[in-house]
Amino acid sequence: MVHLNEKAEDQLMTTRISDLQDWLQAQPQLPQNISRLLLRRFLHTTRGDLSAAQRLLELNYGLRNKHAHIFIDRDPLDASSQQLLQVADLVPLPGLTPENNKLLFYRLIDFDADKFNFTAAIKVFFMVADCRFATENEERLSDGEIPVFDMAGYTLRHLTKTALGALRVYMKFVQEAHPVRLKEIHVLNCPSYVDKVMAVVKPFIKGEVFKLIHFHLPNADTPYRHFPRSMLPEEYGGEAGKMSDLKLQWMQLLKEQRDYLMDTENWQINKIKKNGQRKSSDSGVTEGLRSLEID
């Protein structure tokens, strides 16, 4: 009976993807080459709610165009991106948790704060996400996502590198327009000055999101109450392989998807075609999405 239900759900999702595709064709201001794979993700995030998926998609591309310096004017092979990738790891980990969630791991590997570019980190973060959303081949998407931030090596000098404008854009996008369901956030190896870090970040975090954050002391086992240690890289006692090998796979994917990431037709709103059409209300969209991305 379970298999029959799954088959019916798959058929319903296929129909709704086609419905979303039809709606997209009636929105000439939006990019017209959004893949069915990506449309599926928007619908999956909204649990199949077509109207909510439409609003989420409009907000997603609207914010991308409002902040083109982050989302459109980008190149994974430019100097700033390549230097960032030498300084930090931003790696989606293979597999899913027993609860069907995806782990995403972020850490510094070069602790020299002078080499850290906050805005470049934000741009690379979204390039990795866009690559993943365009190429994921799982039959079923994860029910949610769990970012894991390792603060080892992060100093107050790194904190002074925070570009508040880029931080504001990042927080708004991931909380309101990112087609994912955020389940938990884990911060490993918290330093004694984590309160100073949170003083900078917290004003941009919604209350319901802040409740999802779990802080862990250095060398603590508490993270593994939430996800299996075996899912982590070998450096953390896991079985996912070496972080360097996992990262190389994603760096190669960024290279392969460079044209996709840089082609403005994939991301830009056609303002000429948008004129004369009803404009979406950011505030209305935001209100309608509050229950969609966060469980």
C-alpha atoms as a PDB file:
ATOM      1  CA  MET A   1       0.000   0.000   0.000  1.00  0.00           C
ATOM      2  CA  VAL A   2       2.927   2.309   0.775  1.00  0.00           C
ATOM      3  CA  HIS A   3       4.266   1.833  -2.734  1.00  0.00           C
ATOM      4  CA  LEU A   4       0.875   2.699  -4.217  1.00  0.00           C
ATOM      5  CA  ASN A   5       0.745   5.894  -2.157  1.00  0.00           C
ATOM      6  CA  GLU A   6       4.256   6.831  -3.243  1.00  0.00           C
ATOM      7  CA  LYS A   7       3.348   6.216  -6.873  1.00  0.00           C
ATOM      8  CA  ALA A   8       0.251   8.401  -6.540  1.00  0.00           C
ATOM      9  CA  GLU A   9       2.309  11.138  -4.874  1.00  0.00           C
ATOM     10  CA  ASP A  10       4.867  10.980  -7.680  1.00  0.00           C
ATOM     11  CA  GLN A  11       2.136  11.292 -10.290  1.00  0.00           C
ATOM     12  CA  LEU A  12       0.607  14.242  -8.452  1.00  0.00           C
ATOM     13  CA  MET A  13       4.008  15.946  -8.213  1.00  0.00           C
ATOM     14  CA  THR A  14       4.596  15.406 -11.935  1.00  0.00           C
ATOM     15  CA  THR A  15       1.250  17.046 -12.675  1.00  0.00           C
ATOM     16  CA  ARG A  16       1.994  19.994 -10.404  1.00  0.00           C
ATOM     17  CA  ILE A  17       5.423  20.490 -11.957  1.00  0.00           C
ATOM     18  CA  SER A  18       3.684  20.766 -15.323  1.00  0.00           C
ATOM     19  CA  ASP A  19       1.191  23.216 -13.809  1.00  0.00           C
ATOM     20  CA  LEU A  20       4.041  25.312 -12.424  1.00  0.00           C
ATOM     21  CA  GLN A  21       5.761  25.170 -15.799  1.00  0.00           C
ATOM     22  CA  ASP A  22       2.569  26.392 -17.503  1.00  0.00           C
ATOM     23  CA  TRP A  23       2.313  29.250 -15.005  1.00  0.00           C
ATOM     24  CA  LEU A  24       5.952  30.153 -15.632  1.00  0.00           C
ATOM     25  CA  GLN A  25       5.318  30.436 -19.366  1.00  0.00           C
ATOM     26  CA  ALA A  26       2.650  33.027 -18.564  1.00  0.00           C
ATOM     27  CA  GLN A  27       5.226  35.093 -16.634  1.00  0.00           C
ATOM     28  CA  PRO A  28       7.450  36.434 -19.445  1.00  0.00           C
ATOM     29  CA  GLN A  29       9.427  38.584 -17.029  1.00  0.00           C
ATOM     30  CA  LEU A  30      10.830  35.475 -15.296  1.00  0.00           C
ATOM     31  CA  PRO A  31      13.578  33.252 -16.747  1.00  0.00           C
ATOM     32  CA  GLN A  32      11.911  30.726 -19.035  1.00  0.00           C
ATOM     33  CA  ASN A  33      14.532  27.980 -18.917  1.00  0.00           C
ATOM     34  CA  ILE A  34      14.062  26.914 -15.292  1.00  0.00           C
ATOM     35  CA  SER A  35      14.384  23.121 -15.324  1.00  0.00           C
ATOM     36  CA  ARG A  36      11.672  20.757 -14.145  1.00  0.00           C
ATOM     37  CA  LEU A  37      14.197  19.504 -11.598  1.00  0.00           C
ATOM     38  CA  LEU A  38      14.422  22.955 -10.037  1.00  0.00           C
ATOM     39  CA  LEU A  39      10.667  23.504 -10.266  1.00  0.00           C
ATOM     40  CA  ARG A  40      10.246  20.239  -8.381  1.00  0.00           C
ATOM     41  CA  ARG A  41      12.384  21.619  -5.576  1.00  0.00           C
ATOM     42  CA  PHE A  42      10.192  24.710  -5.228  1.00  0.00           C
ATOM     43  CA  LEU A  43       7.092  22.522  -5.052  1.00  0.00           C
ATOM     44  CA  HIS A  44       8.754  20.106  -2.653  1.00  0.00           C
ATOM     45  CA  THR A  45       9.642  22.980  -0.327  1.00  0.00           C
ATOM     46  CA  THR A  46       6.020  24.143  -0.286  1.00  0.00           C
ATOM     47  CA  ARG A  47       4.748  20.575   0.135  1.00  0.00           C
ATOM     48  CA  GLY A  48       3.089  20.640  -3.255  1.00  0.00           C
ATOM     49  CA  ASP A  49       1.235  23.919  -2.737  1.00  0.00           C
ATOM     50  CA  LEU A  50       1.264  25.399  -6.239  1.00  0.00           C
ATOM     51  CA  SER A  51       0.380  28.968  -5.235  1.00  0.00           C
ATOM     52  CA  ALA A  52       3.007  28.985  -2.497  1.00  0.00           C
ATOM     53  CA  ALA A  53       5.604  27.613  -4.929  1.00  0.00           C
ATOM     54  CA  GLN A  54       4.783  30.420  -7.356  1.00  0.00           C
ATOM     55  CA  ARG A  55       5.254  33.036  -4.632  1.00  0.00           C
ATOM     56  CA  LEU A  56       8.486  31.426  -3.458  1.00  0.00           C
ATOM     57  CA  LEU A  57       9.847  31.354  -6.997  1.00  0.00           C
ATOM     58  CA  GLU A  58       8.942  35.010  -7.592  1.00  0.00           C
ATOM     59  CA  LEU A  59      10.590  36.072  -4.344  1.00  0.00           C
ATOM     60  CA  ASN A  60      13.673  33.962  -5.083  1.00  0.00           C
ATOM     61  CA  TYR A  61      14.302  35.547  -8.469  1.00  0.00           C
ATOM     62  CA  GLY A  62      13.225  38.979  -7.282  1.00  0.00           C
ATOM     63  CA  LEU A  63      15.854  38.990  -4.533  1.00  0.00           C
ATOM     64  CA  ARG A  64      18.481  37.615  -6.908  1.00  0.00           C
ATOM     65  CA  ASN A  65      17.935  40.570  -9.221  1.00  0.00           C
ATOM     66  CA  LYS A  66      17.776  43.099  -6.401  1.00  0.00           C
ATOM     67  CA  HIS A  67      21.193  41.870  -5.242  1.00  0.00           C
ATOM     68  CA  ALA A  68      22.804  40.981  -8.566  1.00  0.00           C
ATOM     69  CA  HIS A  69      26.313  41.509  -7.172  1.00  0.00           C
ATOM     70  CA  ILE A  70      25.747  38.390  -5.053  1.00  0.00           C
ATOM     71  CA  PHE A  71      23.593  36.172  -7.255  1.00  0.00           C
ATOM     72  CA  ILE A  72      24.200  37.120 -10.901  1.00  0.00           C
ATOM     73  CA  ASP A  73      27.589  38.832 -11.296  1.00  0.00           C
ATOM     74  CA  ARG A  74      29.575  35.749 -10.317  1.00  0.00           C
ATOM     75  CA  ASP A  75      32.184  33.309 -11.553  1.00  0.00           C
ATOM     76  CA  PRO A  76      33.259  30.196  -9.616  1.00  0.00           C
ATOM     77  CA  LEU A  77      36.692  30.405 -11.250  1.00  0.00           C
ATOM     78  CA  ASP A  78      37.448  34.061 -10.523  1.00  0.00           C
ATOM     79  CA  ALA A  79      40.224  34.986  -8.113  1.00  0.00           C
ATOM     80  CA  SER A  80      38.010  35.808  -5.123  1.00  0.00           C
ATOM     81  CA  SER A  81      36.022  32.570  -5.387  1.00  0.00           C
ATOM     82  CA  GLN A  82      39.125  30.439  -5.818  1.00  0.00           C
ATOM     83  CA  GLN A  83      40.855  32.080  -2.869  1.00  0.00           C
ATOM     84  CA  LEU A  84      37.777  31.545  -0.717  1.00  0.00           C
ATOM     85  CA  LEU A  85      37.796  27.863  -1.644  1.00  0.00           C
ATOM     86  CA  GLN A  86      41.420  27.669  -0.493  1.00  0.00           C
ATOM     87  CA  VAL A  87      40.436  29.222   2.832  1.00  0.00           C
ATOM     88  CA  ALA A  88      37.158  27.446   3.593  1.00  0.00           C
ATOM     89  CA  ASP A  89      35.229  24.246   2.940  1.00  0.00           C
ATOM     90  CA  LEU A  90      31.574  24.530   1.885  1.00  0.00           C
ATOM     91  CA  VAL A  91      30.572  20.938   1.257  1.00  0.00           C
ATOM     92  CA  PRO A  92      27.195  19.173   1.073  1.00  0.00           C
ATOM     93  CA  LEU A  93      27.800  15.748   2.603  1.00  0.00           C
ATOM     94  CA  PRO A  94      26.704  12.538   0.866  1.00  0.00           C
ATOM     95  CA  GLY A  95      23.655  10.623   1.984  1.00  0.00           C
ATOM     96  CA  LEU A  96      20.744  11.525   4.225  1.00  0.00           C
ATOM     97  CA  THR A  97      20.132  11.214   7.954  1.00  0.00           C
ATOM     98  CA  PRO A  98      17.707   8.558   9.247  1.00  0.00           C
ATOM     99  CA  GLU A  99      15.125  11.373   9.305  1.00  0.00           C
ATOM    100  CA  ASN A 100      15.805  12.008   5.591  1.00  0.00           C
ATOM    101  CA  ASN A 101      17.662  15.295   6.093  1.00  0.00           C
ATOM    102  CA  LYS A 102      20.709  16.618   4.212  1.00  0.00           C
ATOM    103  CA  LEU A 103      23.854  17.701   6.084  1.00  0.00           C
ATOM    104  CA  LEU A 104      25.825  20.689   4.772  1.00  0.00           C
ATOM    105  CA  PHE A 105      29.257  21.251   6.299  1.00  0.00           C
ATOM    106  CA  TYR A 106      31.112  24.569   6.548  1.00  0.00           C
ATOM    107  CA  ARG A 107      34.510  25.275   8.108  1.00  0.00           C
ATOM    108  CA  LEU A 108      37.714  27.281   7.795  1.00  0.00           C
ATOM    109  CA  ILE A 109      40.845  25.438   6.694  1.00  0.00           C
ATOM    110  CA  ASP A 110      43.175  28.450   6.604  1.00  0.00           C
ATOM    111  CA  PHE A 111      42.828  30.480   9.788  1.00  0.00           C
ATOM    112  CA  ASP A 112      44.514  33.629   8.477  1.00  0.00           C
ATOM    113  CA  ALA A 113      41.773  36.265   8.762  1.00  0.00           C
ATOM    114  CA  ASP A 114      43.491  38.457   6.170  1.00  0.00           C
ATOM    115  CA  LYS A 115      42.664  35.844   3.527  1.00  0.00           C
ATOM    116  CA  PHE A 116      38.983  35.634   4.449  1.00  0.00           C
ATOM    117  CA  ASN A 117      36.521  37.500   2.233  1.00  0.00           C
ATOM    118  CA  PHE A 118      33.018  37.422   3.711  1.00  0.00           C
ATOM    119  CA  THR A 119      31.192  38.503   0.555  1.00  0.00           C
ATOM    120  CA  ALA A 120      33.069  35.913  -1.511  1.00  0.00           C
ATOM    121  CA  ALA A 121      31.995  33.266   1.010  1.00  0.00           C
ATOM    122  CA  ILE A 122      28.347  34.253   0.566  1.00  0.00           C
ATOM    123  CA  LYS A 123      28.651  34.150  -3.228  1.00  0.00           C
ATOM    124  CA  VAL A 124      30.321  30.723  -3.182  1.00  0.00           C
ATOM    125  CA  PHE A 125      27.694  29.442  -0.735  1.00  0.00           C
ATOM    126  CA  PHE A 126      24.922  30.241  -3.210  1.00  0.00           C
ATOM    127  CA  MET A 127      26.884  28.956  -6.208  1.00  0.00           C
ATOM    128  CA  VAL A 128      27.314  25.593  -4.484  1.00  0.00           C
ATOM    129  CA  ALA A 129      23.604  25.551  -3.638  1.00  0.00           C
ATOM    130  CA  ASP A 130      22.597  26.427  -7.203  1.00  0.00           C
ATOM    131  CA  CYS A 131      24.866  23.680  -8.563  1.00  0.00           C
ATOM    132  CA  ARG A 132      23.344  21.168  -6.179  1.00  0.00           C
ATOM    133  CA  PHE A 133      19.775  22.138  -7.019  1.00  0.00           C
ATOM    134  CA  ALA A 134      20.513  21.872 -10.749  1.00  0.00           C
ATOM    135  CA  THR A 135      22.181  18.463 -10.642  1.00  0.00           C
ATOM    136  CA  GLU A 136      20.726  16.487  -7.723  1.00  0.00           C
ATOM    137  CA  ASN A 137      19.552  13.124  -8.966  1.00  0.00           C
ATOM    138  CA  GLU A 138      17.873  11.685  -5.889  1.00  0.00           C
ATOM    139  CA  GLU A 139      14.510  10.107  -6.636  1.00  0.00           C
ATOM    140  CA  ARG A 140      13.212  11.792  -3.504  1.00  0.00           C
ATOM    141  CA  LEU A 141      14.487  15.082  -2.151  1.00  0.00           C
ATOM    142  CA  SER A 142      15.462  15.381   1.489  1.00  0.00           C
ATOM    143  CA  ASP A 143      12.710  16.358   3.898  1.00  0.00           C
ATOM    144  CA  GLY A 144      14.946  19.110   5.246  1.00  0.00           C
ATOM    145  CA  GLU A 145      18.436  20.527   5.526  1.00  0.00           C
ATOM    146  CA  ILE A 146      20.840  20.772   8.447  1.00  0.00           C
ATOM    147  CA  PRO A 147      23.782  23.171   8.080  1.00  0.00           C
ATOM    148  CA  VAL A 148      26.749  22.402  10.338  1.00  0.00           C
ATOM    149  CA  PHE A 149      29.246  25.198  11.023  1.00  0.00           C
ATOM    150  CA  ASP A 150      32.599  24.311  12.588  1.00  0.00           C
ATOM    151  CA  MET A 151      33.962  27.434  14.298  1.00  0.00           C
ATOM    152  CA  ALA A 152      37.440  26.015  14.855  1.00  0.00           C
ATOM    153  CA  GLY A 153      39.924  28.695  13.834  1.00  0.00           C
ATOM    154  CA  TYR A 154      37.292  31.444  13.638  1.00  0.00           C
ATOM    155  CA  THR A 155      38.589  34.483  15.522  1.00  0.00           C
ATOM    156  CA  LEU A 156      37.378  37.952  16.394  1.00  0.00           C
ATOM    157  CA  ARG A 157      39.512  39.190  13.498  1.00  0.00           C
ATOM    158  CA  HIS A 158      37.350  37.086  11.197  1.00  0.00           C
ATOM    159  CA  LEU A 159      34.303  38.700  12.777  1.00  0.00           C
ATOM    160  CA  THR A 160      35.592  42.149  11.838  1.00  0.00           C
ATOM    161  CA  LYS A 161      35.586  40.966   8.205  1.00  0.00           C
ATOM    162  CA  THR A 162      31.803  40.585   8.248  1.00  0.00           C
ATOM    163  CA  ALA A 163      30.190  42.727   5.556  1.00  0.00           C
ATOM    164  CA  LEU A 164      26.841  43.628   7.097  1.00  0.00           C
ATOM    165  CA  GLY A 165      25.232  44.288   3.721  1.00  0.00           C
ATOM    166  CA  ALA A 166      26.132  40.818   2.450  1.00  0.00           C
ATOM    167  CA  LEU A 167      25.090  39.280   5.779  1.00  0.00           C
ATOM    168  CA  ARG A 168      21.690  40.977   5.533  1.00  0.00           C
ATOM    169  CA  VAL A 169      21.172  39.672   1.981  1.00  0.00           C
ATOM    170  CA  TYR A 170      22.252  36.165   2.985  1.00  0.00           C
ATOM    171  CA  MET A 171      19.935  36.032   5.983  1.00  0.00           C
ATOM    172  CA  LYS A 172      16.929  37.383   4.109  1.00  0.00           C
ATOM    173  CA  PHE A 173      17.399  34.977   1.212  1.00  0.00           C
ATOM    174  CA  VAL A 174      17.981  31.794   3.210  1.00  0.00           C
ATOM    175  CA  GLN A 175      15.082  32.529   5.557  1.00  0.00           C
ATOM    176  CA  GLU A 176      12.531  33.703   2.994  1.00  0.00           C
ATOM    177  CA  ALA A 177      13.456  32.684  -0.558  1.00  0.00           C
ATOM    178  CA  HIS A 178      15.699  29.604  -0.459  1.00  0.00           C
ATOM    179  CA  PRO A 179      13.854  26.482  -1.685  1.00  0.00           C
ATOM    180  CA  VAL A 180      14.736  24.318   1.305  1.00  0.00           C
ATOM    181  CA  ARG A 181      13.117  23.298   4.575  1.00  0.00           C
ATOM    182  CA  LEU A 182      15.463  24.236   7.371  1.00  0.00           C
ATOM    183  CA  LYS A 183      15.361  21.654  10.175  1.00  0.00           C
ATOM    184  CA  GLU A 184      18.288  22.404  12.499  1.00  0.00           C
ATOM    185  CA  ILE A 185      21.491  24.464  12.612  1.00  0.00           C
ATOM    186  CA  HIS A 186      24.539  23.149  14.454  1.00  0.00           C
ATOM    187  CA  VAL A 187      27.545  25.211  15.503  1.00  0.00           C
ATOM    188  CA  LEU A 188      30.546  23.071  16.498  1.00  0.00           C
ATOM    189  CA  ASN A 189      33.604  24.027  18.555  1.00  0.00           C
ATOM    190  CA  CYS A 190      32.039  27.204  19.901  1.00  0.00           C
ATOM    191  CA  PRO A 191      34.677  29.627  21.234  1.00  0.00           C
ATOM    192  CA  SER A 192      34.305  31.606  24.446  1.00  0.00           C
ATOM    193  CA  TYR A 193      33.426  34.697  22.415  1.00  0.00           C
ATOM    194  CA  VAL A 194      30.530  33.102  20.519  1.00  0.00           C
ATOM    195  CA  ASP A 195      28.261  35.643  22.232  1.00  0.00           C
ATOM    196  CA  LYS A 196      30.085  38.423  20.370  1.00  0.00           C
ATOM    197  CA  VAL A 197      29.562  36.590  17.089  1.00  0.00           C
ATOM    198  CA  MET A 198      25.871  36.157  17.810  1.00  0.00           C
ATOM    199  CA  ALA A 199      25.542  39.822  18.753  1.00  0.00           C
ATOM    200  CA  VAL A 200      26.402  40.623  15.132  1.00  0.00           C
ATOM    201  CA  VAL A 201      24.306  37.877  13.546  1.00  0.00           C
ATOM    202  CA  LYS A 202      21.225  37.647  15.770  1.00  0.00           C
ATOM    203  CA  PRO A 203      19.546  40.914  14.637  1.00  0.00           C
ATOM    204  CA  PHE A 204      19.135  39.309  11.205  1.00  0.00           C
ATOM    205  CA  ILE A 205      17.775  35.967  12.461  1.00  0.00           C
ATOM    206  CA  LYS A 206      14.054  35.354  12.819  1.00  0.00           C
ATOM    207  CA  GLY A 207      12.915  34.052  16.173  1.00  0.00           C
ATOM    208  CA  GLU A 208      11.704  30.731  14.797  1.00  0.00           C
ATOM    209  CA  VAL A 209      15.057  30.193  13.085  1.00  0.00           C
ATOM    210  CA  PHE A 210      17.080  31.073  16.174  1.00  0.00           C
ATOM    211  CA  LYS A 211      15.261  28.295  18.029  1.00  0.00           C
ATOM    212  CA  LEU A 212      16.748  25.809  15.568  1.00  0.00           C
ATOM    213  CA  ILE A 213      20.360  26.656  16.481  1.00  0.00           C
ATOM    214  CA  HIS A 214      22.310  24.208  18.647  1.00  0.00           C
ATOM    215  CA  PHE A 215      25.664  25.321  20.069  1.00  0.00           C
ATOM    216  CA  HIS A 216      28.285  22.687  20.903  1.00  0.00           C
ATOM    217  CA  LEU A 217      31.485  23.025  22.937  1.00  0.00           C
ATOM    218  CA  PRO A 218      34.841  21.833  21.541  1.00  0.00           C
ATOM    219  CA  ASN A 219      35.163  18.044  21.309  1.00  0.00           C
ATOM    220  CA  ALA A 220      31.573  17.552  22.492  1.00  0.00           C
ATOM    221  CA  ASP A 221      29.553  14.491  21.534  1.00  0.00           C
ATOM    222  CA  THR A 222      26.270  16.390  21.707  1.00  0.00           C
ATOM    223  CA  PRO A 223      25.986  16.885  17.905  1.00  0.00           C
ATOM    224  CA  TYR A 224      25.602  13.146  17.451  1.00  0.00           C
ATOM    225  CA  ARG A 225      22.336  13.171  19.357  1.00  0.00           C
ATOM    226  CA  HIS A 226      20.959  14.889  16.264  1.00  0.00           C
ATOM    227  CA  PHE A 227      22.685  13.117  13.370  1.00  0.00           C
ATOM    228  CA  PRO A 228      24.936  10.051  12.993  1.00  0.00           C
ATOM    229  CA  ARG A 229      28.633  10.707  13.371  1.00  0.00           C
ATOM    230  CA  SER A 230      29.190   8.226  10.566  1.00  0.00           C
ATOM    231  CA  MET A 231      27.802  10.780   8.092  1.00  0.00           C
ATOM    232  CA  LEU A 232      30.686  13.177   8.756  1.00  0.00           C
ATOM    233  CA  PRO A 233      34.074  13.206   6.993  1.00  0.00           C
ATOM    234  CA  GLU A 234      36.910  11.047   8.303  1.00  0.00           C
ATOM    235  CA  GLU A 235      38.491  14.074   9.998  1.00  0.00           C
ATOM    236  CA  TYR A 236      35.521  14.098  12.378  1.00  0.00           C
ATOM    237  CA  GLY A 237      35.442  10.370  13.005  1.00  0.00           C
ATOM    238  CA  GLY A 238      32.906   9.726  10.276  1.00  0.00           C
ATOM    239  CA  GLU A 239      32.701   7.454   7.261  1.00  0.00           C
ATOM    240  CA  ALA A 240      31.916   9.944   4.473  1.00  0.00           C
ATOM    241  CA  GLY A 241      35.494   9.987   3.183  1.00  0.00           C
ATOM    242  CA  LYS A 242      38.147  12.669   3.405  1.00  0.00           C
ATOM    243  CA  MET A 243      36.903  16.242   3.372  1.00  0.00           C
ATOM    244  CA  SER A 244      39.507  17.127   0.752  1.00  0.00           C
ATOM    245  CA  ASP A 245      38.140  14.453  -1.603  1.00  0.00           C
ATOM    246  CA  LEU A 246      34.546  15.529  -1.042  1.00  0.00           C
ATOM    247  CA  LYS A 247      35.501  19.128  -1.680  1.00  0.00           C
ATOM    248  CA  LEU A 248      37.301  18.285  -4.921  1.00  0.00           C
ATOM    249  CA  GLN A 249      34.094  16.757  -6.235  1.00  0.00           C
ATOM    250  CA  TRP A 250      32.218  19.994  -5.573  1.00  0.00           C
ATOM    251  CA  MET A 251      34.977  22.161  -7.009  1.00  0.00           C
ATOM    252  CA  GLN A 252      34.813  20.061 -10.173  1.00  0.00           C
ATOM    253  CA  LEU A 253      31.036  20.453 -10.273  1.00  0.00           C
ATOM    254  CA  LEU A 254      31.362  24.230  -9.925  1.00  0.00           C
ATOM    255  CA  LYS A 255      33.714  24.176 -12.898  1.00  0.00           C
ATOM    256  CA  GLU A 256      31.367  22.000 -14.952  1.00  0.00           C
ATOM    257  CA  GLN A 257      28.377  24.200 -14.111  1.00  0.00           C
ATOM    258  CA  ARG A 258      30.211  27.488 -14.660  1.00  0.00           C
ATOM    259  CA  ASP A 259      28.289  28.373 -17.814  1.00  0.00           C
ATOM    260  CA  TYR A 260      24.989  27.647 -16.066  1.00  0.00           C
ATOM    261  CA  LEU A 261      25.926  29.825 -13.094  1.00  0.00           C
ATOM    262  CA  MET A 262      27.160  32.716 -15.237  1.00  0.00           C
ATOM    263  CA  ASP A 263      24.466  32.725 -17.923  1.00  0.00           C
ATOM    264  CA  THR A 264      22.347  35.729 -16.962  1.00  0.00           C
ATOM    265  CA  GLU A 265      19.366  34.320 -18.874  1.00  0.00           C
ATOM    266  CA  ASN A 266      19.070  31.709 -16.126  1.00  0.00           C
ATOM    267  CA  TRP A 267      18.675  34.332 -13.403  1.00  0.00           C
ATOM    268  CA  GLN A 268      17.720  37.767 -14.673  1.00  0.00           C
ATOM    269  CA  ILE A 269      14.216  39.185 -14.630  1.00  0.00           C
ATOM    270  CA  ASN A 270      13.199  40.892 -17.869  1.00  0.00           C
ATOM    271  CA  LYS A 271      12.210  44.311 -16.554  1.00  0.00           C
ATOM    272  CA  ILE A 272      10.745  45.421 -19.883  1.00  0.00           C
ATOM    273  CA  LYS A 273       8.324  42.494 -19.947  1.00  0.00           C
ATOM    274  CA  LYS A 274       7.615  43.004 -16.263  1.00  0.00           C
ATOM    275  CA  ASN A 275       6.312  46.540 -16.808  1.00  0.00           C
ATOM    276  CA  GLY A 276       2.543  46.680 -16.868  1.00  0.00           C
ATOM    277  CA  GLN A 277       2.155  43.423 -14.964  1.00  0.00           C
ATOM    278  CA  ARG A 278       1.112  43.146 -11.360  1.00  0.00           C
ATOM    279  CA  LYS A 279       4.150  43.294  -9.132  1.00  0.00           C
ATOM    280  CA  SER A 280       4.479  40.862  -6.270  1.00  0.00           C
ATOM    281  CA  SER A 281       4.424  42.255  -2.772  1.00  0.00           C
ATOM    282  CA  ASP A 282       7.515  41.225  -0.838  1.00  0.00           C
ATOM    283  CA  SER A 283       5.713  41.676   2.468  1.00  0.00           C
ATOM    284  CA  GLY A 284       2.772  39.539   1.380  1.00  0.00           C
ATOM    285  CA  VAL A 285       5.031  36.844   0.019  1.00  0.00           C
ATOM    286  CA  THR A 286       7.141  36.832   3.144  1.00  0.00           C
ATOM    287  CA  GLU A 287       4.097  36.400   5.366  1.00  0.00           C
ATOM    288  CA  GLY A 288       2.807  33.550   3.260  1.00  0.00           C
ATOM    289  CA  LEU A 289       6.145  31.746   3.294  1.00  0.00           C
ATOM    290  CA  ARG A 290       6.931  31.829   6.988  1.00  0.00           C
ATOM    291  CA  SER A 291       5.651  28.313   7.548  1.00  0.00           C
ATOM    292  CA  LEU A 292       7.174  26.856   4.406  1.00  0.00           C
ATOM    293  CA  GLU A 293      10.943  26.856   4.775  1.00  0.00           C
ATOM    294  CA  ILE A 294      11.162  26.246   8.501  1.00  0.00           C
ATOM    295  CA  ASP A 295       9.771  23.297  10.460  1.00  0.00           C
END
